[in-house]
Amino acid sequence: MRSSAVASGLLAVLLLVLVATRWGPLIAADRDVAEALHRSAVAEPGFTELNRILSDWIWDPWTMRALIVVTVVVLWLRRERRLAVWTALASVLTAVTQRVVKALVDRPRPSWPDPVDSAQYEAFPSGHAMTATVTWGLLLWVLALHWQERWRGWSVLVVAALVSVVGVGWTRVYLGVHWTSDVVEGWLLGACLVCVTVLTYRSRLWRRIDEETGGE
């Protein structure tokens, strides 16, 4: 877990630097992919509408946050209150981090004469991709702590998580509201935050608190 946190964090920093300095090969690749997908989105209105439903409703950040709220409430009612607080804090930190990075990099979104969708705020990183990564990462972590061995649908949930995280990234680029590197950065930052959340929850500080409070 520690190596995953370091690797995803370093890659996220590297990509941030490349985007902030407008590294030519990356910018060109982003533009080529965006233009190709935008042509497809304009030519296939039915498929484009499906992507809009998935992106703007099913995989929307507010939908993801609602899943976290439900998880936090369930944990709180089960008296898993430290885990509930830690999960909530990780979700809040995700929202704050993406807004700070967006403001610092201030990257414009793709601009089209015939847009098929619209979005607010700066492009980098993708809030949809980052929020989905953190949400599903936290859900899998919480379930693994308590129910993985007893729940037969575990593999189904893992597949659903992968489809959601990859799928929302695809929709954001396909709909022309993000560059590919925006989405990749969202995945990397999200993965790093999940790893840090798990590592800090397992830290000696928490074990010491458990010992002092008797695990309540």
Protein backbone atom coordinates (compact mmCIF):
# COMPACT_ATOMS: atom_id res chain seq x y z
CA MET A 1 0.00 0.00 0.00
CA ARG A 2 2.82 2.39 0.85
CA SER A 3 4.54 1.76 -2.49
CA SER A 4 1.26 2.34 -4.32
CA ALA A 5 0.80 5.66 -2.53
CA VAL A 6 4.31 6.78 -3.43
CA ALA A 7 4.07 5.62 -7.04
CA SER A 8 0.69 7.23 -7.71
CA GLY A 9 1.76 10.42 -5.94
CA LEU A 10 4.99 10.74 -7.91
CA LEU A 11 3.24 10.06 -11.20
CA ALA A 12 0.58 12.64 -10.34
CA VAL A 13 3.26 15.25 -9.60
CA LEU A 14 5.10 14.43 -12.83
CA LEU A 15 1.95 14.75 -14.92
CA LEU A 16 1.05 18.00 -13.17
CA VAL A 17 4.46 19.46 -14.06
CA LEU A 18 4.14 18.34 -17.69
CA VAL A 19 0.71 19.93 -18.01
CA ALA A 20 1.68 23.12 -16.16
CA THR A 21 4.74 23.58 -18.41
CA ARG A 22 2.68 22.65 -21.49
CA TRP A 23 5.02 19.88 -22.60
CA GLY A 24 4.56 19.69 -26.37
CA PRO A 25 4.13 15.92 -26.96
CA LEU A 26 1.56 15.62 -24.18
CA ILE A 27 -0.44 18.64 -25.33
CA ALA A 28 -0.41 17.35 -28.91
CA ALA A 29 -1.55 13.88 -27.85
CA ASP A 30 -4.36 15.39 -25.77
CA ARG A 31 -5.50 17.46 -28.72
CA ASP A 32 -5.40 14.53 -31.19
CA VAL A 33 -7.50 12.30 -28.93
CA ALA A 34 -9.96 15.08 -28.12
CA GLU A 35 -10.50 15.99 -31.77
CA ALA A 36 -11.02 12.38 -32.85
CA LEU A 37 -13.53 11.68 -30.09
CA HIS A 38 -15.36 14.95 -30.64
CA ARG A 39 -15.93 14.08 -34.30
CA SER A 40 -17.43 10.77 -33.18
CA ALA A 41 -19.59 12.45 -30.53
CA VAL A 42 -21.05 14.87 -33.08
CA ALA A 43 -21.68 12.09 -35.58
CA GLU A 44 -23.31 9.69 -33.07
CA PRO A 45 -25.93 11.66 -31.10
CA GLY A 46 -27.55 8.54 -29.60
CA PHE A 47 -24.29 7.23 -28.15
CA THR A 48 -23.39 10.74 -27.05
CA GLU A 49 -26.65 11.05 -25.10
CA LEU A 50 -25.91 7.74 -23.36
CA ASN A 51 -22.52 9.11 -22.35
CA ARG A 52 -24.15 12.27 -21.02
CA ILE A 53 -26.55 10.25 -18.85
CA LEU A 54 -23.70 8.17 -17.46
CA SER A 55 -21.46 11.18 -16.88
CA ASP A 56 -23.99 13.73 -15.63
CA TRP A 57 -26.20 11.44 -13.55
CA ILE A 58 -25.00 7.93 -12.77
CA TRP A 59 -21.29 8.75 -12.34
CA ASP A 60 -21.71 12.38 -11.37
CA PRO A 61 -19.58 13.49 -8.38
CA TRP A 62 -22.72 14.24 -6.36
CA THR A 63 -23.94 10.68 -6.95
CA MET A 64 -20.56 9.42 -5.74
CA ARG A 65 -20.73 11.66 -2.67
CA ALA A 66 -24.21 10.35 -1.92
CA LEU A 67 -22.74 6.84 -1.80
CA ILE A 68 -20.15 8.08 0.71
CA VAL A 69 -22.87 9.69 2.83
CA VAL A 70 -24.80 6.40 2.93
CA THR A 71 -21.61 4.54 3.84
CA VAL A 72 -20.77 7.00 6.62
CA VAL A 73 -24.30 6.76 8.07
CA VAL A 74 -24.22 2.94 8.04
CA LEU A 75 -20.81 2.91 9.73
CA TRP A 76 -21.96 5.42 12.32
CA LEU A 77 -25.06 3.37 13.15
CA ARG A 78 -22.88 0.29 13.48
CA ARG A 79 -20.75 2.25 15.98
CA GLU A 80 -17.77 2.23 13.59
CA ARG A 81 -17.45 5.92 14.25
CA ARG A 82 -13.74 6.44 13.70
CA LEU A 83 -14.01 4.66 10.36
CA ALA A 84 -17.07 6.75 9.51
CA VAL A 85 -15.23 9.98 10.29
CA TRP A 86 -12.13 8.87 8.39
CA THR A 87 -14.21 8.00 5.33
CA ALA A 88 -16.00 11.34 5.44
CA LEU A 89 -12.76 13.27 5.84
CA ALA A 90 -11.21 11.46 2.86
CA SER A 91 -14.17 12.46 0.69
CA VAL A 92 -13.97 16.09 1.82
CA LEU A 93 -10.21 16.14 1.24
CA THR A 94 -10.81 14.88 -2.30
CA ALA A 95 -13.10 17.82 -3.09
CA VAL A 96 -10.70 20.33 -1.57
CA THR A 97 -7.63 18.87 -3.32
CA GLN A 98 -9.18 18.90 -6.77
CA ARG A 99 -10.34 22.50 -6.39
CA VAL A 100 -6.89 23.64 -5.21
CA VAL A 101 -5.10 21.88 -8.07
CA LYS A 102 -7.61 23.19 -10.59
CA ALA A 103 -7.03 26.75 -9.40
CA LEU A 104 -3.25 26.39 -9.36
CA VAL A 105 -2.92 24.89 -12.84
CA ASP A 106 -5.82 26.90 -14.34
CA ARG A 107 -6.01 24.76 -17.47
CA PRO A 108 -8.73 25.65 -19.99
CA ARG A 109 -11.15 22.96 -21.06
CA PRO A 110 -11.40 21.90 -24.71
CA SER A 111 -13.32 24.45 -26.74
CA TRP A 112 -15.56 23.47 -29.68
CA PRO A 113 -17.71 25.40 -32.17
CA ASP A 114 -20.30 22.61 -31.83
CA PRO A 115 -20.07 21.34 -28.23
CA VAL A 116 -22.09 18.28 -27.17
CA ASP A 117 -21.82 19.01 -23.42
CA SER A 118 -20.55 21.68 -21.06
CA ALA A 119 -18.78 21.86 -17.70
CA GLN A 120 -17.69 24.45 -15.15
CA TYR A 121 -14.38 25.33 -13.54
CA GLU A 122 -10.90 24.52 -14.77
CA ALA A 123 -10.03 21.26 -16.56
CA PHE A 124 -7.12 19.77 -14.63
CA PRO A 125 -7.67 17.36 -12.92
CA SER A 126 -10.99 15.73 -13.79
CA GLY A 127 -13.22 16.00 -10.74
CA HIS A 128 -15.45 13.19 -12.04
CA ALA A 129 -12.50 10.79 -12.42
CA MET A 130 -10.95 11.73 -9.09
CA THR A 131 -14.19 11.54 -7.13
CA ALA A 132 -15.16 8.18 -8.64
CA THR A 133 -11.72 6.75 -7.89
CA VAL A 134 -11.81 7.85 -4.25
CA THR A 135 -15.44 6.85 -3.72
CA TRP A 136 -15.08 3.33 -5.08
CA GLY A 137 -11.69 2.91 -3.43
CA LEU A 138 -13.17 3.83 -0.04
CA LEU A 139 -16.21 1.60 -0.53
CA LEU A 140 -14.05 -1.40 -1.42
CA TRP A 141 -11.80 -0.71 1.55
CA VAL A 142 -14.69 -0.45 4.02
CA LEU A 143 -16.31 -3.61 2.68
CA ALA A 144 -13.00 -5.48 2.74
CA LEU A 145 -12.55 -4.59 6.41
CA HIS A 146 -15.82 -6.22 7.44
CA TRP A 147 -17.69 -8.17 4.81
CA GLN A 148 -15.40 -9.44 2.03
CA GLU A 149 -15.21 -13.05 3.28
CA ARG A 150 -18.97 -13.29 3.93
CA TRP A 151 -20.25 -11.52 0.82
CA ARG A 152 -20.50 -13.56 -2.38
CA GLY A 153 -20.97 -10.49 -4.55
CA TRP A 154 -17.48 -9.12 -3.88
CA SER A 155 -16.15 -9.83 -7.38
CA VAL A 156 -19.22 -8.16 -8.91
CA LEU A 157 -18.59 -5.04 -6.86
CA VAL A 158 -14.93 -4.93 -7.92
CA VAL A 159 -15.96 -5.13 -11.57
CA ALA A 160 -18.58 -2.41 -11.02
CA ALA A 161 -15.90 -0.21 -9.45
CA LEU A 162 -13.51 -0.69 -12.35
CA VAL A 163 -16.23 -0.05 -14.93
CA SER A 164 -17.33 3.11 -13.11
CA VAL A 165 -13.85 4.57 -12.67
CA VAL A 166 -12.70 3.82 -16.22
CA GLY A 167 -16.11 4.58 -17.69
CA VAL A 168 -16.48 8.04 -16.19
CA GLY A 169 -13.02 8.95 -17.46
CA TRP A 170 -14.02 7.86 -20.95
CA THR A 171 -17.24 9.88 -20.89
CA ARG A 172 -15.48 13.09 -19.87
CA VAL A 173 -13.07 12.91 -22.79
CA TYR A 174 -15.69 11.64 -25.25
CA LEU A 175 -18.04 14.51 -24.38
CA GLY A 176 -15.25 17.00 -25.04
CA VAL A 177 -15.13 18.56 -21.58
CA HIS A 178 -11.74 17.17 -20.53
CA TRP A 179 -8.36 16.33 -21.98
CA THR A 180 -7.10 12.76 -21.52
CA SER A 181 -4.36 13.90 -19.13
CA ASP A 182 -7.02 15.57 -16.94
CA VAL A 183 -8.65 12.19 -16.45
CA VAL A 184 -5.37 10.37 -15.84
CA GLU A 185 -4.44 12.94 -13.20
CA GLY A 186 -7.81 12.43 -11.52
CA TRP A 187 -7.19 8.69 -11.37
CA LEU A 188 -3.67 9.13 -9.99
CA LEU A 189 -4.59 11.69 -7.34
CA GLY A 190 -7.62 9.65 -6.35
CA ALA A 191 -5.60 6.45 -6.00
CA CYS A 192 -2.98 8.28 -3.94
CA LEU A 193 -5.62 9.70 -1.59
CA VAL A 194 -7.20 6.28 -1.07
CA CYS A 195 -3.81 4.75 -0.26
CA VAL A 196 -2.97 7.57 2.15
CA THR A 197 -6.38 7.19 3.82
CA VAL A 198 -5.83 3.48 4.41
CA LEU A 199 -2.25 3.95 5.59
CA THR A 200 -3.07 6.71 8.05
CA TYR A 201 -6.04 4.77 9.42
CA ARG A 202 -3.68 1.86 10.12
CA SER A 203 -1.11 4.14 11.74
CA ARG A 204 0.27 3.74 15.25
CA LEU A 205 -1.77 6.72 16.40
CA TRP A 206 -5.02 4.91 15.67
CA ARG A 207 -3.77 1.69 17.29
CA ARG A 208 -2.82 3.67 20.39
CA ILE A 209 -6.29 5.22 20.52
CA ASP A 210 -7.85 1.77 20.17
CA GLU A 211 -5.81 0.49 23.09
CA GLU A 212 -6.73 3.46 25.27
CA THR A 213 -10.46 3.34 24.48
CA GLY A 214 -10.82 -0.41 24.32
CA GLY A 215 -11.67 -0.34 20.63
CA GLU A 216 -14.97 1.52 21.06
